Amino acid sequence: MENFISKFISKKELEIILSKLKKFEDEDVKSNIFLEQYSTNDVVASELAWFIFMNDKMNDKNNMINNADFGFIDLGSGTGILGISLLFYGFKIIFIEKDVNAVNVLKQNLNYIITEYDEYFKSINFDVKNNFVIINKDINDLDESFFVNYKNFYVIMNPPFGAVKKNKHADKNFLEKAFNFNKVYSIHNFESEKTLNFLKSISSDFNFSFKILFEKDFIIKKQHFFHKKNKKTIKVIVVLFEKNK
């Protein structure tokens, strides 16, 4: 198993790669205020990807990972940092994003890793070009066929926090869509016990278990006119939801 793991990049190496991708806070990238588009931090994304690699890939007793019908759905993918992080560990990814500007940046980021890390992907025998799909669509417009076609997939997401008035309860909407699948990895703003109570309640309503994997500082850099500071640090929790059998 050690020889197998050694073929893949380390968590730290992944973090460095992700730091080179285009983000919402970059001057040449336009973000939508009302969609709460904040890029997932490199540290958070790399740690979550490494956890998934070590747990879902290493403990793949049913050989699901090598099944063409298995992969991850990056729900509300933005510029793609979460889904891209999993491509480096050989997972097929479905990127779902409704904002055209974000999709354009996502495509730039994908072209970058395909070009710059071609030799790495060859070394792990992974045809990266044919292992991702981009769907430019609102999650509320996904039809029944989508959920049927990808029923064996898991979800990874950093949903909107639902803090903006026009986007209130967006996190709830994302979770409700994600619970169409058996396993969900999700990042949430950890304001107080109220957050925990909400997550426990909604997971119970949909017959899912709820487990906090880790807590991290999440840095939001200044990108909108109402941001007073150059950066703000908030606490987030990374949560694993699993469908109860």
Foldseek 3Di string as FASTA:
>chain_A
DVVLVVLFDALVVQLVLLVPADACQDPVAPDDPLQQGFDFHSNVLSVVLVVCLCPCVVPVPVPVQVDPLEFEEAAQQQLNSNVVSNVRSQGQYEYEHQDPSSVVSNVVSLVVCCVPVVVSCVSNPHPSVPRYHYDNDHLVPDDPVVCVSNQNYAYEYAGRQLPDPSSHCRVVVSVVSRLSHFKYKYKYFPPDVVVVVVVCVSLVVSQKDKDFPDKDWTKGADRDPPDPDRIDITIMTIMMIGHDD
